[in-house]
Amino acid sequence: MNNLLFKGIDGDKSVNAAQYVTFSIGEEYYGVNATKVHEIIGMTKITHVPNSMAYMKGIINLRGSVVPVVDMRVKFTMEEKEYSDQTIIIIVEIKGRLFGMIVDSVSDVIGIAENSIQDTPHFSTKIESDFISGISNKNDQLIIMLDVDRILTSEEILEVETKTA
């Protein structure tokens, strides 16, 4: 179970919290609900898929399963960067299908109280706000909370499935 119970400030109330895997892309920190994360792996050989979307870097073989891999820098229209030994692939479930998300580095798994996640201001980030479920502040670090089910549209998932079938 990934929900935690924290004592409230007054000691009497309990606050619901969920665990989030946090990671960085550029100078920004992001979080995804740990229930959507299947595993975290280092960079591995990615097989290119011809005629695919620019942000889809290809597919990987994950213990016999074909998993499409998305470069989150490209998806979020950030400057591309050469992969390093810090580059990580987070395997997440998006609408019932496994996908890999290439990120610059993974930070931590943290508990974030539901009431500490604020609504998204539409002007504070470089990415479309449709992907963002909220923003949290943990240890003076802003964390952009992503809704993994909305990172790819149904049409994009269908195109990925068509190309990787």
Protein backbone atom coordinates (compact mmCIF):
# COMPACT_ATOMS: atom_id res chain seq x y z
CA MET A 1 0.00 0.00 0.00
CA ASN A 2 1.45 3.36 -0.97
CA ASN A 3 -0.69 5.63 1.19
CA LEU A 4 0.84 6.75 4.45
CA LEU A 5 -0.80 8.33 7.44
CA PHE A 6 0.92 11.38 8.99
CA LYS A 7 0.03 13.11 12.23
CA GLY A 8 -1.39 16.57 11.65
CA ILE A 9 0.17 19.72 13.09
CA ASP A 10 -2.13 19.69 16.13
CA GLY A 11 -1.33 16.01 16.76
CA ASP A 12 -4.98 14.97 16.68
CA LYS A 13 -5.75 14.81 12.99
CA SER A 14 -4.25 12.37 10.54
CA VAL A 15 -3.28 13.53 7.09
CA ASN A 16 -3.43 11.25 4.05
CA ALA A 17 -0.18 11.11 2.11
CA ALA A 18 1.02 9.18 -0.89
CA GLN A 19 4.48 8.13 -1.93
CA TYR A 20 5.97 9.81 -4.99
CA VAL A 21 9.04 8.97 -7.01
CA THR A 22 10.84 12.26 -7.60
CA PHE A 23 13.22 12.96 -10.45
CA SER A 24 14.86 15.83 -12.27
CA ILE A 25 14.74 17.03 -15.84
CA GLY A 26 17.02 20.00 -16.25
CA GLU A 27 16.72 22.27 -13.22
CA GLU A 28 13.16 21.21 -12.42
CA TYR A 29 11.98 18.46 -10.10
CA TYR A 30 9.00 16.26 -10.85
CA GLY A 31 7.08 13.59 -9.00
CA VAL A 32 4.90 10.69 -10.09
CA ASN A 33 2.73 8.60 -7.81
CA ALA A 34 4.72 5.52 -6.81
CA THR A 35 1.70 3.29 -7.54
CA LYS A 36 2.27 4.02 -11.26
CA VAL A 37 5.99 3.15 -11.15
CA HIS A 38 6.86 -0.47 -11.92
CA GLU A 39 10.61 -0.09 -11.70
CA ILE A 40 13.57 2.18 -12.22
CA ILE A 41 16.44 1.10 -14.46
CA GLY A 42 19.65 2.61 -15.76
CA MET A 43 20.04 3.50 -19.40
CA THR A 44 20.01 0.48 -21.64
CA LYS A 45 20.13 -0.17 -25.36
CA ILE A 46 17.15 1.44 -27.06
CA THR A 47 16.05 0.09 -30.44
CA HIS A 48 14.91 2.92 -32.71
CA VAL A 49 11.44 2.63 -34.25
CA PRO A 50 11.27 4.26 -37.72
CA ASN A 51 8.70 7.00 -38.40
CA SER A 52 7.82 7.45 -34.75
CA MET A 53 7.17 10.67 -32.86
CA ALA A 54 10.30 12.72 -32.05
CA TYR A 55 10.00 12.17 -28.30
CA MET A 56 9.65 8.39 -28.68
CA LYS A 57 13.25 7.21 -28.64
CA GLY A 58 12.37 3.59 -29.39
CA ILE A 59 11.72 0.39 -27.52
CA ILE A 60 13.54 -1.71 -24.94
CA ASN A 61 13.31 -5.36 -24.03
CA LEU A 62 12.31 -5.61 -20.39
CA ARG A 63 12.51 -9.29 -19.45
CA GLY A 64 10.81 -10.33 -22.68
CA SER A 65 8.31 -7.45 -22.85
CA VAL A 66 8.57 -4.71 -25.46
CA VAL A 67 8.40 -1.34 -23.70
CA PRO A 68 8.22 1.96 -25.64
CA VAL A 69 10.55 4.64 -24.29
CA VAL A 70 9.78 8.37 -24.24
CA ASP A 71 12.45 11.04 -23.75
CA MET A 72 10.74 13.41 -21.32
CA ARG A 73 13.02 16.32 -22.29
CA VAL A 74 11.76 16.09 -25.87
CA LYS A 75 8.16 15.48 -24.80
CA PHE A 76 8.29 18.61 -22.62
CA THR A 77 9.99 20.62 -25.43
CA MET A 78 13.21 21.05 -23.47
CA GLU A 79 16.69 21.06 -24.95
CA GLU A 80 17.95 17.55 -25.66
CA LYS A 81 20.98 16.36 -23.76
CA GLU A 82 23.35 13.47 -24.25
CA TYR A 83 22.56 10.53 -21.97
CA SER A 84 25.00 9.93 -19.11
CA ASP A 85 25.51 7.43 -16.32
CA GLN A 86 23.01 9.52 -14.31
CA THR A 87 20.27 9.16 -16.96
CA ILE A 88 17.49 6.86 -15.79
CA ILE A 89 14.48 5.13 -17.32
CA ILE A 90 11.44 5.04 -15.06
CA ILE A 91 9.04 2.27 -16.12
CA VAL A 92 5.51 3.54 -15.53
CA GLU A 93 2.03 2.32 -16.32
CA ILE A 94 0.14 4.72 -18.59
CA LYS A 95 -3.47 3.74 -19.20
CA GLY A 96 -2.75 0.07 -18.60
CA ARG A 97 0.44 -0.13 -20.73
CA LEU A 98 4.07 -0.01 -19.64
CA PHE A 99 6.18 2.89 -20.92
CA GLY A 100 9.69 4.03 -20.13
CA MET A 101 10.30 7.67 -19.25
CA ILE A 102 13.87 8.87 -19.79
CA VAL A 103 14.77 11.43 -17.11
CA ASP A 104 18.02 13.13 -16.12
CA SER A 105 18.17 11.51 -12.68
CA VAL A 106 15.99 10.01 -9.96
CA SER A 107 16.04 11.82 -6.64
CA ASP A 108 14.05 9.94 -4.02
CA VAL A 109 10.80 8.33 -2.97
CA ILE A 110 9.01 10.71 -0.63
CA GLY A 111 5.70 10.92 1.18
CA ILE A 112 3.67 14.00 0.27
CA ALA A 113 0.52 14.91 2.15
CA GLU A 114 -2.46 15.32 -0.18
CA ASN A 115 -3.32 18.68 1.36
CA SER A 116 0.16 20.04 0.55
CA ILE A 117 -0.32 19.61 -3.23
CA GLN A 118 -1.52 22.88 -4.69
CA ASP A 119 -3.42 23.47 -7.91
CA THR A 120 -1.31 24.18 -10.95
CA PRO A 121 -0.65 27.75 -11.99
CA HIS A 122 -0.74 27.76 -15.79
CA PHE A 123 2.27 30.03 -16.18
CA SER A 124 4.89 28.48 -13.91
CA THR A 125 6.28 25.69 -16.05
CA LYS A 126 7.60 25.02 -19.53
CA ILE A 127 5.31 22.06 -20.15
CA GLU A 128 1.62 21.89 -20.89
CA SER A 129 -0.37 21.99 -17.67
CA ASP A 130 -2.56 19.06 -18.81
CA PHE A 131 0.15 16.69 -17.55
CA ILE A 132 0.37 18.34 -14.15
CA SER A 133 -1.79 17.30 -11.23
CA GLY A 134 -0.34 19.91 -8.89
CA ILE A 135 2.75 21.41 -7.31
CA SER A 136 4.20 20.58 -3.92
CA ASN A 137 6.93 22.11 -1.82
CA LYS A 138 9.17 19.66 0.00
CA ASN A 139 12.22 20.91 1.91
CA ASP A 140 12.10 24.27 0.05
CA GLN A 141 12.13 22.46 -3.32
CA LEU A 142 9.18 22.86 -5.68
CA ILE A 143 8.08 19.53 -7.15
CA ILE A 144 5.82 19.43 -10.20
CA MET A 145 3.46 16.50 -9.74
CA LEU A 146 2.74 14.68 -13.01
CA ASP A 147 -0.35 12.69 -13.85
CA VAL A 148 1.23 9.86 -15.86
CA ASP A 149 -2.08 8.87 -17.42
CA ARG A 150 -2.19 12.27 -19.14
CA ILE A 151 1.43 12.48 -20.30
CA LEU A 152 0.42 10.73 -23.53
CA THR A 153 -2.96 11.21 -25.17
CA SER A 154 -5.05 8.22 -26.27
CA GLU A 155 -4.11 9.04 -29.88
CA GLU A 156 -0.39 9.07 -29.03
CA ILE A 157 -0.69 5.73 -27.22
CA LEU A 158 -2.52 4.25 -30.20
CA GLU A 159 0.24 5.47 -32.54
CA VAL A 160 2.91 3.99 -30.27
CA GLU A 161 1.06 0.67 -30.14
CA THR A 162 0.71 0.64 -33.93
CA LYS A 163 4.43 1.25 -34.42
CA THR A 164 5.59 -1.23 -31.78
CA ALA A 165 3.13 -4.07 -32.47
